[in-house]
C-alpha atoms as a PDB file:
ATOM      1  CA  MET A   1       0.005  -0.011   0.045  1.00  0.00           C
ATOM      2  CA  PRO A   2       1.379   3.489  -0.884  1.00  0.00           C
ATOM      3  CA  GLU A   3       2.682   5.627   2.029  1.00  0.00           C
ATOM      4  CA  HIS A   4       0.220   8.449   1.660  1.00  0.00           C
ATOM      5  CA  PHE A   5      -2.751   6.078   2.288  1.00  0.00           C
ATOM      6  CA  THR A   6      -1.414   4.867   5.639  1.00  0.00           C
ATOM      7  CA  ASN A   7      -2.937   6.402   8.781  1.00  0.00           C
ATOM      8  CA  LYS A   8      -0.308   8.302  10.924  1.00  0.00           C
ATOM      9  CA  THR A   9      -1.104   8.913  14.602  1.00  0.00           C
ATOM     10  CA  VAL A  10      -0.273  12.219  16.587  1.00  0.00           C
ATOM     11  CA  ASN A  11      -0.901  13.248  20.127  1.00  0.00           C
ATOM     12  CA  CYS A  12      -3.736  15.727  21.390  1.00  0.00           C
ATOM     13  CA  ILE A  13      -2.245  19.064  22.010  1.00  0.00           C
ATOM     14  CA  TYR A  14      -4.330  19.469  25.247  1.00  0.00           C
ATOM     15  CA  CYS A  15      -4.707  15.848  26.943  1.00  0.00           C
ATOM     16  CA  GLY A  16      -1.921  13.959  25.037  1.00  0.00           C
ATOM     17  CA  LYS A  17      -4.376  11.214  23.716  1.00  0.00           C
ATOM     18  CA  ILE A  18      -3.609   9.716  20.325  1.00  0.00           C
ATOM     19  CA  VAL A  19      -5.600  11.223  17.435  1.00  0.00           C
ATOM     20  CA  LEU A  20      -5.483  10.591  13.634  1.00  0.00           C
ATOM     21  CA  THR A  21      -3.402  12.724  11.229  1.00  0.00           C
ATOM     22  CA  GLY A  22      -4.776  16.069  10.419  1.00  0.00           C
ATOM     23  CA  ASN A  23      -6.386  16.700  13.925  1.00  0.00           C
ATOM     24  CA  LYS A  24      -4.764  18.623  16.638  1.00  0.00           C
ATOM     25  CA  PHE A  25      -7.308  17.632  19.302  1.00  0.00           C
ATOM     26  CA  CYS A  26      -8.929  14.374  20.307  1.00  0.00           C
ATOM     27  CA  SER A  27     -12.387  15.998  20.832  1.00  0.00           C
ATOM     28  CA  ARG A  28     -14.310  19.218  20.706  1.00  0.00           C
ATOM     29  CA  GLU A  29     -14.202  19.342  24.507  1.00  0.00           C
ATOM     30  CA  CYS A  30     -10.238  19.511  24.436  1.00  0.00           C
ATOM     31  CA  LYS A  31     -10.309  22.172  21.807  1.00  0.00           C
ATOM     32  CA  SER A  32     -12.694  24.447  23.858  1.00  0.00           C
ATOM     33  CA  LYS A  33     -10.669  23.926  26.892  1.00  0.00           C
ATOM     34  CA  SER A  34      -7.263  24.791  25.271  1.00  0.00           C
ATOM     35  CA  GLN A  35      -8.926  28.214  24.242  1.00  0.00           C
ATOM     36  CA  ILE A  36      -9.729  29.346  27.758  1.00  0.00           C
ATOM     37  CA  VAL A  37      -7.303  31.848  28.963  1.00  0.00           C
ATOM     38  CA  ARG A  38      -6.383  31.677  32.661  1.00  0.00           C
ATOM     39  CA  LEU A  39      -4.124  33.614  35.033  1.00  0.00           C
ATOM     40  CA  THR A  40      -2.120  32.068  37.693  1.00  0.00           C
ATOM     41  CA  LEU A  41      -2.250  34.356  40.846  1.00  0.00           C
ATOM     42  CA  LYS A  42      -1.113  34.059  44.358  1.00  0.00           C
ATOM     43  CA  CYS A  43      -3.651  34.045  47.254  1.00  0.00           C
ATOM     44  CA  ILE A  44      -3.165  37.029  49.513  1.00  0.00           C
ATOM     45  CA  GLY A  45      -4.524  35.050  52.473  1.00  0.00           C
ATOM     46  CA  CYS A  46      -2.812  31.636  52.278  1.00  0.00           C
ATOM     47  CA  SER A  47      -0.086  32.372  49.484  1.00  0.00           C
ATOM     48  CA  LYS A  48      -1.498  29.386  47.454  1.00  0.00           C
ATOM     49  CA  LEU A  49      -1.264  29.541  43.633  1.00  0.00           C
ATOM     50  CA  PHE A  50      -4.532  29.250  41.645  1.00  0.00           C
ATOM     51  CA  LYS A  51      -5.952  29.950  38.329  1.00  0.00           C
ATOM     52  CA  ILE A  52      -8.553  32.595  37.425  1.00  0.00           C
ATOM     53  CA  SER A  53     -10.110  34.194  34.499  1.00  0.00           C
ATOM     54  CA  PRO A  54      -8.599  37.586  33.647  1.00  0.00           C
ATOM     55  CA  CYS A  55     -12.032  39.509  34.174  1.00  0.00           C
ATOM     56  CA  TYR A  56     -11.979  38.311  37.840  1.00  0.00           C
ATOM     57  CA  LYS A  57      -8.426  39.810  38.626  1.00  0.00           C
ATOM     58  CA  ARG A  58      -8.704  42.410  41.464  1.00  0.00           C
ATOM     59  CA  LYS A  59      -6.158  44.312  43.560  1.00  0.00           C
ATOM     60  CA  THR A  60      -6.638  41.645  46.360  1.00  0.00           C
ATOM     61  CA  ASN A  61      -7.102  38.066  45.126  1.00  0.00           C
ATOM     62  CA  TYR A  62      -8.179  35.057  47.164  1.00  0.00           C
ATOM     63  CA  CYS A  63      -8.387  31.282  46.188  1.00  0.00           C
ATOM     64  CA  SER A  64     -11.807  30.866  47.838  1.00  0.00           C
ATOM     65  CA  ILE A  65     -14.486  32.624  49.787  1.00  0.00           C
ATOM     66  CA  LYS A  66     -13.368  31.013  53.025  1.00  0.00           C
ATOM     67  CA  CYS A  67      -9.823  32.179  52.564  1.00  0.00           C
ATOM     68  CA  TYR A  68     -11.260  35.816  52.055  1.00  0.00           C
ATOM     69  CA  TRP A  69     -13.367  35.797  55.168  1.00  0.00           C
ATOM     70  CA  ASP A  70     -10.441  34.386  57.182  1.00  0.00           C
ATOM     71  CA  SER A  71      -8.091  37.001  55.909  1.00  0.00           C
ATOM     72  CA  THR A  72     -10.182  40.042  56.255  1.00  0.00           C
ATOM     73  CA  ARG A  73     -11.616  39.096  59.671  1.00  0.00           C
ATOM     74  CA  LEU A  74      -8.070  38.441  61.235  1.00  0.00           C
ATOM     75  CA  LYS A  75      -6.622  41.208  63.570  1.00  0.00           C
ATOM     76  CA  LYS A  76      -3.017  41.548  64.618  1.00  0.00           C
ATOM     77  CA  ILE A  77      -1.290  43.388  67.338  1.00  0.00           C
ATOM     78  CA  ARG A  78       1.031  46.017  66.102  1.00  0.00           C
ATOM     79  CA  ARG A  79       3.421  48.569  67.576  1.00  0.00           C
ATOM     80  CA  CYS A  80       3.218  52.260  66.465  1.00  0.00           C
ATOM     81  CA  LYS A  81       6.303  53.377  64.613  1.00  0.00           C
ATOM     82  CA  VAL A  82       6.336  56.741  66.281  1.00  0.00           C
ATOM     83  CA  CYS A  83       5.053  56.324  70.011  1.00  0.00           C
ATOM     84  CA  ASN A  84       5.746  52.540  70.281  1.00  0.00           C
ATOM     85  CA  LYS A  85       2.133  52.008  71.557  1.00  0.00           C
ATOM     86  CA  GLU A  86       0.552  48.695  70.834  1.00  0.00           C
ATOM     87  CA  PHE A  87      -2.701  48.790  68.831  1.00  0.00           C
ATOM     88  CA  ILE A  88      -4.798  46.285  66.814  1.00  0.00           C
ATOM     89  CA  ALA A  89      -5.029  46.464  63.106  1.00  0.00           C
ATOM     90  CA  LYS A  90      -6.925  44.476  60.582  1.00  0.00           C
ATOM     91  CA  ASN A  91      -4.935  41.892  58.573  1.00  0.00           C
ATOM     92  CA  SER A  92      -6.347  43.282  55.224  1.00  0.00           C
ATOM     93  CA  LEU A  93      -4.894  46.551  56.101  1.00  0.00           C
ATOM     94  CA  ILE A  94      -1.521  45.123  57.029  1.00  0.00           C
ATOM     95  CA  VAL A  95      -1.319  43.215  53.642  1.00  0.00           C
ATOM     96  CA  LYS A  96      -1.850  46.524  51.803  1.00  0.00           C
ATOM     97  CA  GLY A  97       0.927  48.274  53.619  1.00  0.00           C
ATOM     98  CA  PHE A  98      -1.012  49.853  56.421  1.00  0.00           C
ATOM     99  CA  GLY A  99      -1.106  49.330  60.116  1.00  0.00           C
ATOM    100  CA  ILE A 100       2.092  51.338  60.939  1.00  0.00           C
ATOM    101  CA  PHE A 101       0.727  54.197  63.012  1.00  0.00           C
ATOM    102  CA  CYS A 102      -1.763  53.986  65.871  1.00  0.00           C
ATOM    103  CA  SER A 103      -3.469  57.396  65.008  1.00  0.00           C
ATOM    104  CA  ARG A 104      -3.537  59.928  62.427  1.00  0.00           C
ATOM    105  CA  SER A 105      -1.648  62.401  64.641  1.00  0.00           C
ATOM    106  CA  CYS A 106       1.334  59.988  64.873  1.00  0.00           C
ATOM    107  CA  GLN A 107       1.284  59.659  61.100  1.00  0.00           C
ATOM    108  CA  HIS A 108       1.517  63.475  60.779  1.00  0.00           C
ATOM    109  CA  LYS A 109       4.494  63.665  63.071  1.00  0.00           C
ATOM    110  CA  THR A 110       6.446  61.649  60.361  1.00  0.00           C
ATOM    111  CA  TYR A 111       5.645  64.348  57.718  1.00  0.00           C
ATOM    112  CA  PRO A 112       8.397  67.045  56.991  1.00  0.00           C
ATOM    113  CA  GLU A 113       7.973  70.349  58.874  1.00  0.00           C
ATOM    114  CA  GLN A 114       6.026  72.985  56.892  1.00  0.00           C
ATOM    115  CA  ILE A 115       7.335  76.401  55.935  1.00  0.00           C
ATOM    116  CA  LYS A 116       5.847  79.571  57.047  1.00  0.00           C
ATOM    117  CA  LYS A 117       5.302  82.081  54.154  1.00  0.00           C
ATOM    118  CA  ILE A 118       3.577  85.492  53.563  1.00  0.00           C
ATOM    119  CA  CYS A 119       0.828  85.883  50.943  1.00  0.00           C
ATOM    120  CA  LYS A 120       1.532  88.340  48.262  1.00  0.00           C
ATOM    121  CA  GLN A 121      -2.008  89.579  47.937  1.00  0.00           C
ATOM    122  CA  CYS A 122      -3.483  89.590  51.654  1.00  0.00           C
ATOM    123  CA  GLY A 123      -0.303  89.681  53.539  1.00  0.00           C
ATOM    124  CA  GLU A 124      -1.463  86.833  55.859  1.00  0.00           C
ATOM    125  CA  TYR A 125       0.869  84.063  56.981  1.00  0.00           C
ATOM    126  CA  TYR A 126       0.194  80.473  55.738  1.00  0.00           C
ATOM    127  CA  TRP A 127       2.052  77.184  55.938  1.00  0.00           C
ATOM    128  CA  ILE A 128       3.178  75.123  52.969  1.00  0.00           C
ATOM    129  CA  GLN A 129       5.035  71.879  52.345  1.00  0.00           C
ATOM    130  CA  PRO A 130       8.937  72.283  51.661  1.00  0.00           C
ATOM    131  CA  SER A 131       8.568  70.614  48.238  1.00  0.00           C
ATOM    132  CA  LYS A 132       6.098  73.458  47.176  1.00  0.00           C
ATOM    133  CA  ASP A 133       8.120  76.352  48.478  1.00  0.00           C
ATOM    134  CA  LYS A 134       9.473  77.599  45.305  1.00  0.00           C
ATOM    135  CA  ARG A 135       6.145  77.767  43.388  1.00  0.00           C
ATOM    136  CA  SER A 136       3.888  78.877  46.179  1.00  0.00           C
ATOM    137  CA  PHE A 137       3.237  82.716  46.661  1.00  0.00           C
ATOM    138  CA  PHE A 138      -0.272  82.865  47.589  1.00  0.00           C
ATOM    139  CA  CYS A 139      -2.498  81.264  50.636  1.00  0.00           C
ATOM    140  CA  ASN A 140      -5.477  80.447  48.239  1.00  0.00           C
ATOM    141  CA  LYS A 141      -6.635  80.668  44.779  1.00  0.00           C
ATOM    142  CA  ALA A 142      -8.854  83.705  45.441  1.00  0.00           C
ATOM    143  CA  CYS A 143      -5.839  85.538  46.517  1.00  0.00           C
ATOM    144  CA  HIS A 144      -3.936  84.508  43.266  1.00  0.00           C
ATOM    145  CA  ASP A 145      -6.833  85.686  40.972  1.00  0.00           C
ATOM    146  CA  ASP A 146      -7.182  88.998  42.868  1.00  0.00           C
ATOM    147  CA  TYR A 147      -3.272  89.415  42.465  1.00  0.00           C
ATOM    148  CA  MET A 148      -3.450  88.866  38.706  1.00  0.00           C
ATOM    149  CA  ARG A 149      -6.332  91.179  38.035  1.00  0.00           C
ATOM    150  CA  ASP A 150      -5.999  94.740  36.586  1.00  0.00           C
ATOM    151  CA  TYR A 151      -7.511  97.098  39.105  1.00  0.00           C
ATOM    152  CA  VAL A 152      -8.959 100.479  38.588  1.00  0.00           C
ATOM    153  CA  SER A 153      -9.420 103.345  41.175  1.00  0.00           C
ATOM    154  CA  CYS A 154     -13.044 104.689  41.395  1.00  0.00           C
ATOM    155  CA  VAL A 155     -14.901 107.004  43.691  1.00  0.00           C
ATOM    156  CA  CYS A 156     -18.206 106.090  45.219  1.00  0.00           C
ATOM    157  CA  ARG A 157     -21.086 108.407  44.246  1.00  0.00           C
ATOM    158  CA  CYS A 158     -22.670 108.276  47.589  1.00  0.00           C
ATOM    159  CA  CYS A 159     -19.957 108.415  50.174  1.00  0.00           C
ATOM    160  CA  LYS A 160     -17.235 109.872  48.023  1.00  0.00           C
ATOM    161  CA  LYS A 161     -14.807 106.953  49.099  1.00  0.00           C
ATOM    162  CA  GLU A 162     -12.085 105.953  46.827  1.00  0.00           C
ATOM    163  CA  PHE A 163     -12.046 102.104  46.164  1.00  0.00           C
ATOM    164  CA  GLU A 164     -10.632  99.678  43.538  1.00  0.00           C
ATOM    165  CA  ILE A 165     -12.308  97.262  41.335  1.00  0.00           C
ATOM    166  CA  PRO A 166     -11.100  94.879  38.548  1.00  0.00           C
ATOM    167  CA  ARG A 167     -11.239  96.453  35.066  1.00  0.00           C
ATOM    168  CA  SER A 168     -13.514  93.675  33.942  1.00  0.00           C
ATOM    169  CA  ASP A 169     -16.106  94.830  36.344  1.00  0.00           C
ATOM    170  CA  LEU A 170     -15.624  98.304  35.222  1.00  0.00           C
ATOM    171  CA  ASN A 171     -16.269  97.295  31.560  1.00  0.00           C
ATOM    172  CA  ARG A 172     -19.654  95.767  32.698  1.00  0.00           C
ATOM    173  CA  GLY A 173     -20.807  98.973  33.975  1.00  0.00           C
ATOM    174  CA  ARG A 174     -19.885  98.723  37.570  1.00  0.00           C
ATOM    175  CA  GLY A 175     -17.633 100.992  39.712  1.00  0.00           C
ATOM    176  CA  THR A 176     -20.318 103.651  40.603  1.00  0.00           C
ATOM    177  CA  TYR A 177     -20.851 102.592  44.304  1.00  0.00           C
ATOM    178  CA  CYS A 178     -18.489 100.968  46.705  1.00  0.00           C
ATOM    179  CA  SER A 179     -21.010  98.777  48.193  1.00  0.00           C
ATOM    180  CA  ARG A 180     -24.629  97.691  48.107  1.00  0.00           C
ATOM    181  CA  ARG A 181     -25.331  99.776  51.093  1.00  0.00           C
ATOM    182  CA  CYS A 182     -24.260 103.031  49.303  1.00  0.00           C
ATOM    183  CA  PHE A 183     -26.320 101.860  46.207  1.00  0.00           C
ATOM    184  CA  VAL A 184     -29.513 101.566  48.239  1.00  0.00           C
ATOM    185  CA  SER A 185     -29.057 104.577  50.436  1.00  0.00           C
ATOM    186  CA  TYR A 186     -27.999 106.925  47.492  1.00  0.00           C
ATOM    187  CA  GLN A 187     -30.672 109.672  46.953  1.00  0.00           C
ATOM    188  CA  GLY A 188     -29.131 111.778  44.242  1.00  0.00           C
ATOM    189  CA  SER A 189     -29.414 111.745  40.603  1.00  0.00           C
ATOM    190  CA  SER A 190     -28.639 108.863  38.474  1.00  0.00           C
ATOM    191  CA  LEU A 191     -26.081 108.868  35.569  1.00  0.00           C
ATOM    192  CA  LEU A 192     -28.969 109.444  32.937  1.00  0.00           C
ATOM    193  CA  GLU A 193     -30.484 112.301  34.983  1.00  0.00           C
ATOM    194  CA  LEU A 194     -26.899 114.031  35.203  1.00  0.00           C
ATOM    195  CA  LYS A 195     -26.479 113.803  31.500  1.00  0.00           C
ATOM    196  CA  MET A 196     -29.908 115.241  30.962  1.00  0.00           C
ATOM    197  CA  GLU A 197     -29.307 118.059  33.421  1.00  0.00           C
ATOM    198  CA  THR A 198     -26.002 118.921  31.694  1.00  0.00           C
ATOM    199  CA  SER A 199     -27.872 119.016  28.180  1.00  0.00           C
ATOM    200  CA  LEU A 200     -30.576 121.357  29.614  1.00  0.00           C
ATOM    201  CA  ASN A 201     -28.035 123.611  30.811  1.00  0.00           C
ATOM    202  CA  LEU A 202     -26.179 123.656  27.469  1.00  0.00           C
ATOM    203  CA  ALA A 203     -29.607 124.513  25.787  1.00  0.00           C
ATOM    204  CA  GLN A 204     -30.108 127.296  28.381  1.00  0.00           C
ATOM    205  CA  ILE A 205     -33.629 125.833  29.416  1.00  0.00           C
ATOM    206  CA  LYS A 206     -34.740 126.423  32.920  1.00  0.00           C
ATOM    207  CA  PHE A 207     -36.036 123.465  34.779  1.00  0.00           C
ATOM    208  CA  GLU A 208     -37.206 122.100  38.182  1.00  0.00           C
ATOM    209  CA  ARG A 209     -35.870 118.923  39.596  1.00  0.00           C
ATOM    210  CA  GLU A 210     -38.229 116.243  41.280  1.00  0.00           C
ATOM    211  CA  ALA A 211     -41.501 118.345  40.998  1.00  0.00           C
ATOM    212  CA  LYS A 212     -44.479 116.788  42.589  1.00  0.00           C
ATOM    213  CA  PHE A 213     -47.784 116.163  40.823  1.00  0.00           C
ATOM    214  CA  LYS A 214     -50.207 114.791  43.526  1.00  0.00           C
ATOM    215  CA  ARG A 215     -48.709 111.310  44.355  1.00  0.00           C
ATOM    216  CA  PHE A 216     -46.248 111.320  41.446  1.00  0.00           C
ATOM    217  CA  HIS A 217     -42.737 112.886  40.943  1.00  0.00           C
ATOM    218  CA  VAL A 218     -41.172 113.941  37.660  1.00  0.00           C
ATOM    219  CA  ASP A 219     -37.631 114.148  36.900  1.00  0.00           C
ATOM    220  CA  PHE A 220     -37.570 117.487  35.093  1.00  0.00           C
ATOM    221  CA  LEU A 221     -40.391 120.036  34.925  1.00  0.00           C
ATOM    222  CA  LEU A 222     -40.108 122.780  32.236  1.00  0.00           C
ATOM    223  CA  GLU A 223     -42.987 124.943  33.551  1.00  0.00           C
ATOM    224  CA  LYS A 224     -42.429 127.733  30.888  1.00  0.00           C
ATOM    225  CA  TYR A 225     -42.919 125.187  28.103  1.00  0.00           C
ATOM    226  CA  LYS A 226     -45.499 123.031  29.905  1.00  0.00           C
ATOM    227  CA  THR A 227     -43.165 119.952  29.358  1.00  0.00           C
ATOM    228  CA  VAL A 228     -42.137 117.152  31.569  1.00  0.00           C
ATOM    229  CA  ILE A 229     -38.991 115.015  30.814  1.00  0.00           C
ATOM    230  CA  GLU A 230     -38.572 111.434  32.192  1.00  0.00           C
ATOM    231  CA  CYS A 231     -35.236 109.501  32.064  1.00  0.00           C
ATOM    232  CA  ASP A 232     -36.176 105.808  32.122  1.00  0.00           C
ATOM    233  CA  GLY A 233     -33.420 103.454  32.821  1.00  0.00           C
ATOM    234  CA  GLU A 234     -33.990  99.998  31.612  1.00  0.00           C
ATOM    235  CA  PHE A 235     -33.350  98.082  34.895  1.00  0.00           C
ATOM    236  CA  TRP A 236     -36.325  99.743  36.734  1.00  0.00           C
ATOM    237  CA  HIS A 237     -38.725 100.939  33.979  1.00  0.00           C
ATOM    238  CA  LEU A 238     -39.060  97.716  32.071  1.00  0.00           C
ATOM    239  CA  LYS A 239     -40.650  96.045  35.105  1.00  0.00           C
ATOM    240  CA  PRO A 240     -44.517  95.380  34.700  1.00  0.00           C
ATOM    241  CA  ASN A 241     -45.560  97.228  37.766  1.00  0.00           C
ATOM    242  CA  VAL A 242     -43.368 100.208  36.811  1.00  0.00           C
ATOM    243  CA  LYS A 243     -44.702 100.343  33.270  1.00  0.00           C
ATOM    244  CA  GLU A 244     -48.253 100.561  34.707  1.00  0.00           C
ATOM    245  CA  ARG A 245     -47.238 103.303  37.054  1.00  0.00           C
ATOM    246  CA  ASP A 246     -45.648 105.382  34.200  1.00  0.00           C
ATOM    247  CA  LYS A 247     -48.850 104.947  32.221  1.00  0.00           C
ATOM    248  CA  ARG A 248     -51.007 106.429  35.073  1.00  0.00           C
ATOM    249  CA  LYS A 249     -48.515 109.157  35.407  1.00  0.00           C
ATOM    250  CA  ASP A 250     -48.559 110.024  31.859  1.00  0.00           C
ATOM    251  CA  ILE A 251     -52.352 110.194  31.872  1.00  0.00           C
ATOM    252  CA  LEU A 252     -52.422 112.429  34.869  1.00  0.00           C
ATOM    253  CA  LEU A 253     -49.773 114.811  33.265  1.00  0.00           C
ATOM    254  CA  GLN A 254     -51.568 115.131  29.887  1.00  0.00           C
ATOM    255  CA  SER A 255     -54.950 115.776  31.651  1.00  0.00           C
ATOM    256  CA  LEU A 256     -53.123 118.768  33.471  1.00  0.00           C
ATOM    257  CA  GLY A 257     -52.052 120.003  29.972  1.00  0.00           C
ATOM    258  CA  TYR A 258     -48.316 118.872  30.095  1.00  0.00           C
ATOM    259  CA  LYS A 259     -46.402 117.389  27.261  1.00  0.00           C
ATOM    260  CA  VAL A 260     -44.373 114.145  28.423  1.00  0.00           C
ATOM    261  CA  LEU A 261     -40.972 113.426  26.773  1.00  0.00           C
ATOM    262  CA  ARG A 262     -39.483 110.073  27.743  1.00  0.00           C
ATOM    263  CA  PHE A 263     -35.837 109.095  27.096  1.00  0.00           C
ATOM    264  CA  THR A 264     -34.555 105.604  27.569  1.00  0.00           C
ATOM    265  CA  GLY A 265     -31.213 104.648  28.650  1.00  0.00           C
ATOM    266  CA  ASN A 266     -30.280 103.416  25.198  1.00  0.00           C
ATOM    267  CA  GLU A 267     -31.374 106.575  23.653  1.00  0.00           C
ATOM    268  CA  LEU A 268     -29.262 108.752  26.041  1.00  0.00           C
ATOM    269  CA  ASP A 269     -26.055 106.626  25.660  1.00  0.00           C
ATOM    270  CA  LYS A 270     -26.280 107.051  21.843  1.00  0.00           C
ATOM    271  CA  PHE A 271     -25.686 111.011  22.106  1.00  0.00           C
ATOM    272  CA  ASP A 272     -23.257 113.266  24.005  1.00  0.00           C
ATOM    273  CA  GLU A 273     -24.517 116.311  25.809  1.00  0.00           C
ATOM    274  CA  ASN A 274     -24.219 118.748  22.883  1.00  0.00           C
ATOM    275  CA  LYS A 275     -26.147 116.470  20.490  1.00  0.00           C
ATOM    276  CA  LEU A 276     -28.693 115.773  23.226  1.00  0.00           C
ATOM    277  CA  SER A 277     -29.294 119.549  23.825  1.00  0.00           C
ATOM    278  CA  ARG A 278     -30.086 120.148  20.100  1.00  0.00           C
ATOM    279  CA  ILE A 279     -32.514 117.142  20.220  1.00  0.00           C
ATOM    280  CA  LEU A 280     -34.253 118.577  23.219  1.00  0.00           C
ATOM    281  CA  LEU A 281     -34.713 122.030  21.448  1.00  0.00           C
ATOM    282  CA  GLN A 282     -36.333 120.259  18.405  1.00  0.00           C
ATOM    283  CA  ARG A 283     -38.665 118.212  20.617  1.00  0.00           C
ATOM    284  CA  ILE A 284     -39.783 121.137  23.007  1.00  0.00           C
ATOM    285  CA  PHE A 285     -40.327 123.752  20.417  1.00  0.00           C
END
């Protein structure tokens, strides 16, 4: 019989049994078992080697549930590294490298001494670790941000006190009052009213400030021309209740024979005092 018709035998790769030529495994079971990947790990509790699937690998690996409970429930008597006092620590913590100090205060005694520094912004003392000495200049992030800001000096309209604010706040329209208390207690003219007052003086028009009509007050009264001028800032005069009040005020003034001129904050911001004085002369006459 020719050689290529003879049946040659080989051993199974997994179990070592004899199989026919052309096959590597003796059965489907051996083939599936050979494809299972297993990791060989050392049990933390009993130091025994065992195999496990890669998906079950953890920081702490135990060969059985009994070994896990025995290892985690065990406690040992230890001596503190600092004060040499005896204390009880869990075996699970000792395995991870803990159980050296009896308390947090003893642990802190082993840290390097902190360095005392002065904050560049507030001038207060603060303590810092020696490793951070060369790159630490502020006691907290708030002081760091304040130090890096560009500050501008302003004068409070109410108390006339000089104060500093970041330029970013000044660009958003702040810097008129030093505090909310001054903002609430201020009884003088607003910026819009001051601009209108300057424009009326340039136009040489006589006026009366805060004139009273029954229960209402008006910003500017031009009695000679039977005209009332109101400066309406968007913050207050866009509120629904203020709008209704302004309508009642207009009806009362018109019934008394007065002409009402209202200027919004956006309109007054568009023109300077000279341009505004010419517009007033056109609307009044």
